[in-house]
């Protein structure tokens, strides 16, 4: 008999959502790390590298805290 926990995380919809969230985070993390390295922001680079926030920390860095030109 299948349990509820098995059905919840192994459905195709959940797996698709999980994949989309992983790709979303990977994209923003890559952009944030690139910009932090180019701007020599060591502390932001470490924070973006360590904290998994579904892209929130890199987005904040890029649009709020980045020195110079903001945005992508």
Foldseek 3Di string as FASTA:
>chain_A
DDDPVVVPCPDPVNVVVVVVLVVQLVVLLVVLLVQCVVQVVVVLNVVSVPDRDSNPSSQCCQAPVDPDDHDD
